[in-house]
Amino acid sequence: MIKRFITSVIILCTVLFCLAESVSSPDNNTLNISAQVWDNLDSINDFLTPATTHKSDKHNISYNIPYNKFLIGNIGLKAYSEQNPQLKVSHPLIKAEDSYYHNYTEVNGQRGYEFYISENNVLSRVDYHTRSWQQLDSQYLTYHFPADSPIPQEAMQILDKRIETFFTYFPEQNHELDSLRVNKLDYFYCPDSDTIERLTSYKTRGIYLLNQDYVISTYPAHFHEVTHFLINYYLKSNELFTHTFLQEGLAVAIGGRGGLSTEALMDAGKFLIDTGMVNYSDYNDVAMFSAEHASLSYPVAGLLTRVMLNHYKPEEYIALYRKYSNSTGSFSNIRELDWLTKGVIDEYVKDNSFRTIFFSCDEQGYRNIYSSETLKISVSKEMLQFKGKGNINFDFKEHSLNESENGRYSLKCSDEEITLTDNLLDEIICSWSINFILSDEKIPLADGYYQFFMKKAVFNLQ
């Protein structure tokens, strides 16, 4: 009896082992492409399909690199290995699902040269994981999304309009938007952080991948990452790296930052400069900028870039951007910004206020358009007067407002802050906080309501 039991266990273990081998091991006809590309970068050209190559090349964006653009993001692993020759290099080739194999190079736990292989043709990690996703075109983008997480079409229209605003800073050549209407930007909308990590291997809310010109985000209209694409699209011929202050400053100045509009960030940037919490002149040094936490450096860099865009002609700013771009990632300090003084910044902000929440207003002739126990709204020619308390969710369009638990907008009112969030975009579009002012300004409170004003333009009302 015991012998039979032991024999059964051995047989069962053998069967399970064989099953496991059949799932995880490649067949004899599947090439270890990562190993081949590791030894010879040019060999990647033998495994890219015309469709994959088209995705990398359709926007005619090139980089000053001695290898196929598809490999951007991988080369650092080879340099790391060469600097640490004692570390083992392996090239796993593992059966994934259906007819696909997962192939990558690994050095001390770090991965690169990562591909998915079918019939010895290469797919990127993103293309593999989204191969069954749905697609929907807007004017300038092709959205990719899981079937159970559709992209809000109004968000698509908003991002199209934001793309057009980029070219108000850098006047388009005749072909720019026309070309983008045809060869649309691929935008991958991820419903959660787990999905974007599965696609990119990064714990992030959004990223622009240079190798295929993909924007991947958990936000439906992530203009910050799209701006990274647009400047490269505008320049066409690029270096692989740009001074971080210029690169991120431009993306914040035009595109905000994930979850925060440009307007919401500019006041924070001004406060950080005024209080001396940051020494913005340090940002001319790429190491100093990179060492600063993004919550401090990005708002300041965005504000400074707005001042620069106002000061320079477009071709002058582009010349500066190109001057501090290269293929090594090593930069000298930016020498051309001695003119960017505190006085210049103050004068610019005075003439170009980003403030969207006010506690007094000179306009007259307000008429009431909505009234409830938690929210009262009146409208004039340019402004909206709010009287609110607590947290309120509502929809607001064409001067018609309805409170709703799942409303597009969320308004939070307290003694210390007022915040308006656009839930459709998952973006704070207006914010006032006692933590970001130097005066003794307070939110007026009367009869239990916080009273304040907002520009009608916040809601795109005429």
Protein backbone atom coordinates (compact mmCIF):
# COMPACT_ATOMS: atom_id res chain seq x y z
CA MET A 1 0.00 0.00 0.00
CA ILE A 2 2.76 2.41 0.98
CA LYS A 3 4.76 1.38 -2.12
CA ARG A 4 1.77 2.07 -4.33
CA PHE A 5 1.28 5.48 -2.68
CA ILE A 6 4.94 6.43 -3.15
CA THR A 7 4.83 5.25 -6.76
CA SER A 8 1.69 7.35 -7.39
CA VAL A 9 3.35 10.41 -5.88
CA ILE A 10 6.42 9.92 -8.08
CA ILE A 11 4.25 9.54 -11.20
CA LEU A 12 2.21 12.62 -10.26
CA CYS A 13 5.35 14.70 -9.68
CA THR A 14 6.77 13.54 -13.01
CA VAL A 15 3.57 14.52 -14.84
CA LEU A 16 3.48 17.95 -13.16
CA PHE A 17 7.15 18.51 -13.95
CA CYS A 18 6.55 17.67 -17.60
CA LEU A 19 3.54 19.97 -17.74
CA ALA A 20 5.54 22.76 -16.17
CA GLU A 21 8.34 22.23 -18.69
CA SER A 22 5.88 22.32 -21.57
CA VAL A 23 4.50 25.65 -20.35
CA SER A 24 7.74 27.41 -19.44
CA SER A 25 10.30 26.09 -21.91
CA PRO A 26 10.63 27.33 -25.49
CA ASP A 27 10.40 25.01 -28.45
CA ASN A 28 13.56 24.32 -30.40
CA ASN A 29 12.54 26.67 -33.22
CA THR A 30 12.22 29.83 -31.11
CA LEU A 31 15.28 32.06 -31.21
CA ASN A 32 16.71 33.72 -28.13
CA ILE A 33 16.49 37.15 -29.71
CA SER A 34 17.55 39.08 -26.59
CA ALA A 35 20.82 37.14 -26.53
CA GLN A 36 21.43 37.87 -30.20
CA VAL A 37 20.67 41.58 -29.85
CA TRP A 38 22.86 41.76 -26.74
CA ASP A 39 25.81 40.64 -28.85
CA ASN A 40 24.81 42.54 -32.00
CA LEU A 41 22.48 45.54 -31.79
CA ASP A 42 21.89 45.63 -35.53
CA SER A 43 20.36 42.14 -35.43
CA ILE A 44 17.13 43.62 -34.04
CA ASN A 45 16.35 44.74 -37.59
CA ASP A 46 15.94 41.08 -38.60
CA PHE A 47 13.09 40.55 -36.14
CA LEU A 48 10.98 43.70 -36.41
CA THR A 49 7.83 43.42 -38.52
CA PRO A 50 6.89 46.26 -40.91
CA ALA A 51 3.99 47.11 -38.59
CA THR A 52 6.27 47.46 -35.56
CA THR A 53 8.79 49.52 -37.51
CA HIS A 54 5.99 51.78 -38.76
CA LYS A 55 4.88 52.49 -35.19
CA SER A 56 8.39 53.68 -34.31
CA ASP A 57 8.89 55.72 -37.47
CA LYS A 58 5.50 57.15 -38.41
CA HIS A 59 6.11 60.55 -36.77
CA ASN A 60 9.55 60.94 -38.37
CA ILE A 61 11.12 61.58 -34.95
CA SER A 62 14.77 60.56 -34.87
CA TYR A 63 17.53 60.57 -32.26
CA ASN A 64 21.28 60.92 -32.49
CA ILE A 65 21.98 57.31 -31.55
CA PRO A 66 24.03 54.53 -33.26
CA TYR A 67 21.31 51.88 -32.95
CA ASN A 68 17.69 51.27 -33.93
CA LYS A 69 15.25 53.64 -32.21
CA PHE A 70 13.23 50.62 -31.05
CA LEU A 71 16.03 49.80 -28.58
CA ILE A 72 15.91 53.13 -26.72
CA GLY A 73 15.68 52.39 -23.01
CA ASN A 74 17.73 49.18 -23.19
CA ILE A 75 21.29 50.29 -23.81
CA GLY A 76 21.96 51.34 -20.23
CA LEU A 77 21.84 47.71 -19.11
CA LYS A 78 24.71 46.81 -21.45
CA ALA A 79 26.82 49.67 -20.06
CA TYR A 80 25.98 48.56 -16.51
CA SER A 81 27.11 45.03 -17.33
CA GLU A 82 30.37 46.24 -18.88
CA GLN A 83 31.08 48.32 -15.79
CA ASN A 84 30.43 45.29 -13.56
CA PRO A 85 31.91 42.31 -15.47
CA GLN A 86 31.67 40.09 -12.39
CA LEU A 87 27.86 40.07 -12.64
CA LYS A 88 26.12 37.23 -14.43
CA VAL A 89 24.23 38.03 -17.63
CA SER A 90 21.29 35.76 -18.50
CA HIS A 91 18.79 35.74 -21.35
CA PRO A 92 15.61 33.95 -20.20
CA LEU A 93 13.22 32.73 -22.90
CA ILE A 94 9.93 31.72 -21.32
CA LYS A 95 6.64 30.54 -22.82
CA ALA A 96 4.05 33.22 -22.10
CA GLU A 97 0.69 32.31 -23.60
CA ASP A 98 -0.78 31.24 -26.91
CA SER A 99 2.14 31.30 -29.36
CA TYR A 100 4.13 33.98 -27.52
CA TYR A 101 7.42 33.81 -25.63
CA HIS A 102 8.74 36.34 -23.14
CA ASN A 103 12.41 37.08 -23.79
CA TYR A 104 14.68 39.48 -21.94
CA THR A 105 18.18 40.05 -20.62
CA GLU A 106 18.78 40.18 -16.87
CA VAL A 107 21.80 41.50 -14.97
CA ASN A 108 21.71 41.46 -11.17
CA GLY A 109 17.92 41.62 -11.13
CA GLN A 110 17.74 44.41 -13.69
CA ARG A 111 15.97 43.71 -16.98
CA GLY A 112 16.46 45.07 -20.47
CA TYR A 113 16.29 43.99 -24.10
CA GLU A 114 12.78 42.84 -23.24
CA PHE A 115 10.67 41.46 -26.06
CA TYR A 116 7.69 39.24 -26.70
CA ILE A 117 8.27 36.83 -29.55
CA SER A 118 5.83 35.15 -31.89
CA GLU A 119 7.16 33.14 -34.84
CA ASN A 120 10.52 34.85 -34.26
CA ASN A 121 8.98 38.30 -34.71
CA VAL A 122 9.39 40.86 -31.93
CA LEU A 123 6.67 42.77 -30.11
CA SER A 124 7.32 45.37 -27.46
CA ARG A 125 6.02 44.83 -23.94
CA VAL A 126 3.28 47.42 -24.54
CA ASP A 127 2.18 45.92 -27.85
CA TYR A 128 1.99 42.45 -26.32
CA HIS A 129 -0.11 43.41 -23.32
CA THR A 130 -2.49 45.60 -25.33
CA ARG A 131 -2.93 43.37 -28.36
CA SER A 132 -6.59 42.70 -27.49
CA TRP A 133 -7.40 46.25 -26.37
CA GLN A 134 -9.95 48.37 -28.19
CA GLN A 135 -9.07 51.48 -30.18
CA LEU A 136 -10.81 54.77 -30.81
CA ASP A 137 -9.57 57.72 -32.84
CA SER A 138 -9.85 61.39 -31.99
CA GLN A 139 -8.60 64.19 -34.20
CA TYR A 140 -4.93 63.75 -33.27
CA LEU A 141 -4.77 60.55 -31.22
CA THR A 142 -5.48 56.85 -31.38
CA TYR A 143 -6.61 55.77 -27.93
CA HIS A 144 -6.00 52.21 -26.77
CA PHE A 145 -7.97 50.95 -23.78
CA PRO A 146 -9.34 47.76 -22.19
CA ALA A 147 -12.86 46.88 -23.25
CA ASP A 148 -14.19 47.28 -19.71
CA SER A 149 -12.54 50.71 -19.23
CA PRO A 150 -13.64 52.91 -22.14
CA ILE A 151 -12.00 56.27 -22.69
CA PRO A 152 -14.34 59.24 -22.01
CA GLN A 153 -14.93 60.85 -25.39
CA GLU A 154 -15.11 64.34 -23.90
CA ALA A 155 -11.61 63.83 -22.49
CA MET A 156 -10.45 62.97 -26.01
CA GLN A 157 -11.84 66.26 -27.31
CA ILE A 158 -10.19 68.19 -24.48
CA LEU A 159 -6.78 66.66 -25.20
CA ASP A 160 -7.17 67.46 -28.91
CA LYS A 161 -7.72 71.13 -28.03
CA ARG A 162 -4.75 71.09 -25.66
CA ILE A 163 -2.55 69.73 -28.42
CA GLU A 164 -3.50 72.72 -30.54
CA THR A 165 -2.52 75.09 -27.72
CA PHE A 166 1.05 73.75 -27.90
CA PHE A 167 1.39 75.35 -31.32
CA THR A 168 0.39 78.75 -29.97
CA TYR A 169 3.80 78.74 -28.26
CA PHE A 170 5.64 77.25 -31.23
CA PRO A 171 3.90 78.28 -34.44
CA GLU A 172 3.32 75.18 -36.46
CA GLN A 173 4.86 74.53 -39.78
CA ASN A 174 2.14 73.75 -42.27
CA HIS A 175 2.60 70.00 -42.03
CA GLU A 176 2.66 69.56 -38.24
CA LEU A 177 -1.01 69.24 -37.31
CA ASP A 178 -1.95 67.95 -40.76
CA SER A 179 0.50 65.09 -40.30
CA LEU A 180 -0.73 64.37 -36.78
CA ARG A 181 -4.30 64.10 -38.05
CA VAL A 182 -3.15 61.28 -40.30
CA ASN A 183 -0.43 59.58 -38.24
CA LYS A 184 -2.05 59.91 -34.86
CA LEU A 185 -0.28 59.74 -31.52
CA ASP A 186 -0.84 56.37 -29.81
CA TYR A 187 -2.25 56.96 -26.31
CA PHE A 188 -2.69 53.99 -23.98
CA TYR A 189 -5.29 54.64 -21.27
CA CYS A 190 -4.73 52.43 -18.23
CA PRO A 191 -7.56 52.10 -15.69
CA ASP A 192 -5.23 51.63 -12.69
CA SER A 193 -1.62 51.62 -11.53
CA ASP A 194 -1.31 47.84 -11.84
CA THR A 195 -2.15 48.03 -15.54
CA ILE A 196 0.41 50.72 -16.34
CA GLU A 197 3.08 48.82 -14.40
CA ARG A 198 2.26 45.66 -16.38
CA LEU A 199 2.67 47.59 -19.64
CA THR A 200 5.81 49.55 -18.76
CA SER A 201 7.40 47.83 -15.71
CA TYR A 202 7.35 51.26 -13.99
CA LYS A 203 5.36 52.34 -10.95
CA THR A 204 4.07 55.58 -12.46
CA ARG A 205 0.92 57.47 -13.39
CA GLY A 206 2.15 58.37 -16.86
CA ILE A 207 5.14 58.03 -19.18
CA TYR A 208 6.21 58.88 -22.73
CA LEU A 209 8.18 56.04 -24.36
CA LEU A 210 10.61 57.34 -26.96
CA ASN A 211 11.19 54.06 -28.76
CA GLN A 212 7.65 53.89 -30.18
CA ASP A 213 6.35 57.39 -29.38
CA TYR A 214 3.73 55.97 -27.04
CA VAL A 215 2.06 57.94 -24.27
CA ILE A 216 0.87 55.61 -21.53
CA SER A 217 -1.14 56.99 -18.62
CA THR A 218 -3.77 56.40 -15.98
CA TYR A 219 -5.11 59.87 -16.85
CA PRO A 220 -7.41 60.19 -19.89
CA ALA A 221 -5.86 63.52 -20.98
CA HIS A 222 -2.29 63.55 -19.65
CA PHE A 223 -1.05 66.69 -21.38
CA HIS A 224 2.28 66.76 -19.51
CA GLU A 225 3.40 63.53 -21.19
CA VAL A 226 1.86 64.55 -24.51
CA THR A 227 3.90 67.76 -24.34
CA HIS A 228 7.08 65.67 -24.07
CA PHE A 229 6.01 64.03 -27.32
CA LEU A 230 5.03 67.30 -29.01
CA ILE A 231 8.36 69.06 -28.49
CA ASN A 232 10.20 66.05 -29.95
CA TYR A 233 7.66 65.94 -32.78
CA TYR A 234 8.22 69.64 -33.41
CA LEU A 235 12.02 69.28 -33.44
CA LYS A 236 11.95 66.03 -35.46
CA SER A 237 15.73 65.47 -35.14
CA ASN A 238 16.56 65.07 -31.45
CA GLU A 239 19.27 64.25 -29.00
CA LEU A 240 18.43 61.49 -26.55
CA PHE A 241 18.65 63.69 -23.42
CA THR A 242 17.70 67.28 -22.58
CA HIS A 243 18.66 69.26 -19.49
CA THR A 244 15.99 68.22 -16.98
CA PHE A 245 15.07 71.78 -16.02
CA LEU A 246 14.26 72.62 -19.65
CA GLN A 247 12.54 69.32 -20.40
CA GLU A 248 10.29 69.14 -17.34
CA GLY A 249 9.84 72.90 -17.09
CA LEU A 250 8.34 72.99 -20.59
CA ALA A 251 6.05 70.02 -19.92
CA VAL A 252 4.73 71.69 -16.72
CA ALA A 253 4.47 75.18 -18.23
CA ILE A 254 2.27 73.95 -21.07
CA GLY A 255 0.90 70.63 -19.84
CA GLY A 256 0.69 70.85 -16.06
CA ARG A 257 1.61 67.74 -14.15
CA GLY A 258 -0.34 64.52 -13.70
CA GLY A 259 -3.47 65.41 -11.72
CA LEU A 260 -2.70 69.15 -11.54
CA SER A 261 -3.45 71.85 -14.12
CA THR A 262 -0.84 74.44 -15.07
CA GLU A 263 -2.85 77.13 -13.27
CA ALA A 264 -2.95 75.09 -10.08
CA LEU A 265 0.84 74.70 -10.18
CA MET A 266 1.91 78.26 -11.03
CA ASP A 267 0.76 79.80 -7.74
CA ALA A 268 2.60 77.07 -5.86
CA GLY A 269 5.74 77.83 -7.85
CA LYS A 270 5.51 81.53 -7.05
CA PHE A 271 5.02 80.79 -3.35
CA LEU A 272 8.07 78.50 -3.26
CA ILE A 273 10.20 81.24 -4.84
CA ASP A 274 8.82 84.01 -2.62
CA THR A 275 9.44 82.08 0.58
CA GLY A 276 12.93 81.02 -0.43
CA MET A 277 12.00 77.37 0.05
CA VAL A 278 13.83 76.72 -3.20
CA ASN A 279 16.77 78.51 -4.76
CA TYR A 280 15.56 78.48 -8.33
CA SER A 281 18.93 79.56 -9.74
CA ASP A 282 20.25 76.17 -8.58
CA TYR A 283 18.10 74.58 -11.28
CA ASN A 284 20.57 75.70 -13.94
CA ASP A 285 22.61 72.75 -12.63
CA VAL A 286 21.02 69.50 -13.82
CA ALA A 287 22.24 67.60 -10.72
CA MET A 288 20.68 70.17 -8.37
CA PHE A 289 17.39 70.05 -10.24
CA SER A 290 17.28 66.26 -10.23
CA ALA A 291 18.11 66.16 -6.50
CA GLU A 292 15.09 68.32 -5.63
CA HIS A 293 11.76 66.60 -4.96
CA ALA A 294 9.46 66.94 -7.96
CA SER A 295 6.71 68.53 -5.82
CA LEU A 296 9.08 71.48 -5.35
CA SER A 297 11.09 71.57 -8.55
CA TYR A 298 8.32 71.02 -11.10
CA PRO A 299 6.01 73.94 -10.15
CA VAL A 300 9.00 76.31 -9.99
CA ALA A 301 10.43 75.08 -13.30
CA GLY A 302 7.01 75.45 -14.90
CA LEU A 303 6.65 79.04 -13.75
CA LEU A 304 10.19 79.95 -14.82
CA THR A 305 9.53 78.40 -18.22
CA ARG A 306 6.37 80.47 -18.64
CA VAL A 307 8.49 83.56 -18.02
CA MET A 308 11.08 82.28 -20.53
CA LEU A 309 8.43 81.58 -23.18
CA ASN A 310 7.19 85.14 -22.70
CA HIS A 311 10.73 86.56 -22.89
CA TYR A 312 12.15 84.61 -25.84
CA LYS A 313 11.00 84.41 -29.40
CA PRO A 314 10.01 80.81 -30.22
CA GLU A 315 13.16 80.23 -32.28
CA GLU A 316 15.30 81.60 -29.42
CA TYR A 317 13.75 79.23 -26.90
CA ILE A 318 14.16 76.30 -29.30
CA ALA A 319 17.83 77.22 -29.79
CA LEU A 320 18.34 77.14 -26.01
CA TYR A 321 16.49 73.80 -25.73
CA ARG A 322 18.65 72.30 -28.48
CA LYS A 323 21.88 73.71 -27.01
CA TYR A 324 21.28 71.83 -23.75
CA SER A 325 20.40 68.51 -25.38
CA ASN A 326 22.87 65.73 -26.11
CA SER A 327 23.28 61.96 -26.38
CA THR A 328 25.21 61.48 -23.12
CA GLY A 329 22.98 63.02 -20.44
CA SER A 330 25.87 65.07 -19.06
CA PHE A 331 25.28 68.84 -19.00
CA SER A 332 27.09 72.00 -18.05
CA ASN A 333 25.13 74.66 -16.15
CA ILE A 334 22.79 76.83 -18.21
CA ARG A 335 24.61 80.15 -18.63
CA GLU A 336 22.01 82.16 -20.52
CA LEU A 337 19.53 82.84 -17.69
CA ASP A 338 21.19 85.68 -15.75
CA TRP A 339 18.31 87.93 -16.84
CA LEU A 340 15.78 85.66 -15.05
CA THR A 341 15.74 87.55 -11.74
CA LYS A 342 13.17 87.67 -8.96
CA GLY A 343 12.06 91.09 -10.20
CA VAL A 344 11.40 89.75 -13.71
CA ILE A 345 9.41 86.84 -12.28
CA ASP A 346 7.32 89.14 -10.06
CA GLU A 347 6.57 91.47 -12.96
CA TYR A 348 5.49 88.61 -15.18
CA VAL A 349 3.15 87.16 -12.55
CA LYS A 350 1.65 90.61 -11.90
CA ASP A 351 0.83 90.99 -15.59
CA ASN A 352 -0.18 87.36 -16.14
CA SER A 353 -2.08 86.26 -13.06
CA PHE A 354 -2.79 82.53 -12.89
CA ARG A 355 -5.18 82.92 -10.00
CA THR A 356 -8.63 81.42 -10.59
CA ILE A 357 -10.17 81.72 -7.09
CA PHE A 358 -10.89 85.19 -5.67
CA PHE A 359 -12.50 86.53 -2.51
CA SER A 360 -13.67 89.86 -3.96
CA CYS A 361 -14.75 91.01 -7.39
CA ASP A 362 -15.54 94.37 -8.98
CA GLU A 363 -18.12 92.98 -11.39
CA GLN A 364 -21.77 93.84 -10.80
CA GLY A 365 -25.10 92.45 -11.88
CA TYR A 366 -24.98 88.91 -10.52
CA ARG A 367 -28.04 86.70 -10.98
CA ASN A 368 -28.69 83.50 -9.09
CA ILE A 369 -28.61 80.29 -11.15
CA TYR A 370 -28.53 77.63 -8.44
CA SER A 371 -29.38 77.33 -4.76
CA SER A 372 -29.32 74.42 -2.30
CA GLU A 373 -28.43 73.78 1.33
CA THR A 374 -24.78 73.22 0.42
CA LEU A 375 -24.20 75.38 -2.66
CA LYS A 376 -25.40 78.69 -4.10
CA ILE A 377 -24.12 80.07 -7.41
CA SER A 378 -24.65 83.43 -9.12
CA VAL A 379 -23.28 84.51 -12.49
CA SER A 380 -22.15 87.82 -13.98
CA LYS A 381 -20.44 88.65 -17.27
CA GLU A 382 -17.06 87.05 -16.52
CA MET A 383 -17.34 85.55 -13.05
CA LEU A 384 -19.20 83.02 -10.93
CA GLN A 385 -19.94 83.71 -7.27
CA PHE A 386 -19.92 80.62 -5.08
CA LYS A 387 -21.31 80.12 -1.60
CA GLY A 388 -20.49 76.60 -0.51
CA LYS A 389 -19.82 74.39 2.46
CA GLY A 390 -18.33 70.94 2.84
CA ASN A 391 -17.66 68.67 -0.11
CA ILE A 392 -19.97 68.99 -3.11
CA ASN A 393 -20.15 66.95 -6.31
CA PHE A 394 -21.96 68.46 -9.27
CA ASP A 395 -22.34 68.72 -13.03
CA PHE A 396 -22.15 72.15 -14.63
CA LYS A 397 -22.71 72.88 -18.29
CA GLU A 398 -24.37 75.68 -20.24
CA HIS A 399 -25.21 77.48 -16.96
CA SER A 400 -27.15 74.41 -15.83
CA LEU A 401 -25.96 72.92 -12.54
CA ASN A 402 -27.05 69.75 -10.77
CA GLU A 403 -25.60 68.26 -7.62
CA SER A 404 -24.84 64.58 -8.13
CA GLU A 405 -22.87 61.99 -6.21
CA ASN A 406 -21.08 61.05 -9.45
CA GLY A 407 -20.86 64.58 -10.80
CA ARG A 408 -18.03 65.68 -13.05
CA TYR A 409 -16.77 68.27 -10.57
CA SER A 410 -15.86 68.00 -6.90
CA LEU A 411 -15.66 71.18 -4.83
CA LYS A 412 -14.05 71.06 -1.38
CA CYS A 413 -14.47 74.04 0.94
CA SER A 414 -12.84 74.47 4.35
CA ASP A 415 -11.17 77.12 6.49
CA GLU A 416 -7.82 76.29 4.92
CA GLU A 417 -8.48 75.53 1.27
CA ILE A 418 -10.78 75.53 -1.70
CA THR A 419 -10.18 72.90 -4.36
CA LEU A 420 -12.05 72.22 -7.57
CA THR A 421 -11.38 68.86 -9.24
CA ASP A 422 -12.45 67.82 -12.71
CA ASN A 423 -13.32 64.16 -12.11
CA LEU A 424 -13.54 63.44 -15.83
CA LEU A 425 -9.83 64.27 -16.19
CA ASP A 426 -8.85 63.32 -12.61
CA GLU A 427 -7.27 66.77 -12.41
CA ILE A 428 -7.27 69.62 -9.89
CA ILE A 429 -8.09 72.64 -12.03
CA CYS A 430 -8.47 75.32 -9.32
CA SER A 431 -6.92 75.53 -5.90
CA TRP A 432 -6.42 78.08 -3.13
CA SER A 433 -4.66 77.04 0.07
CA ILE A 434 -3.71 78.99 3.15
CA ASN A 435 -0.45 77.02 3.01
CA PHE A 436 0.58 78.77 -0.21
CA ILE A 437 0.12 82.44 0.65
CA LEU A 438 2.26 84.92 2.54
CA SER A 439 -0.51 87.37 3.43
CA ASP A 440 -3.17 87.04 6.15
CA GLU A 441 -5.84 86.47 3.51
CA LYS A 442 -8.70 84.24 4.66
CA ILE A 443 -11.71 82.64 3.03
CA PRO A 444 -14.77 84.77 3.85
CA LEU A 445 -17.41 82.91 5.85
CA ALA A 446 -21.00 84.17 6.22
CA ASP A 447 -24.09 82.31 7.44
CA GLY A 448 -22.14 79.06 7.37
CA TYR A 449 -21.08 79.41 3.71
CA TYR A 450 -17.59 80.00 2.31
CA GLN A 451 -17.84 82.80 -0.25
CA PHE A 452 -15.56 83.14 -3.26
CA PHE A 453 -15.44 83.82 -7.00
CA MET A 454 -14.17 81.85 -10.00
CA LYS A 455 -13.69 82.79 -13.62
CA LYS A 456 -16.36 81.37 -15.90
CA ALA A 457 -13.59 80.18 -18.20
CA VAL A 458 -12.78 77.48 -15.62
CA PHE A 459 -15.93 75.67 -16.80
CA ASN A 460 -15.58 76.77 -20.42
CA LEU A 461 -18.72 78.88 -20.05
CA GLN A 462 -19.31 81.79 -22.41
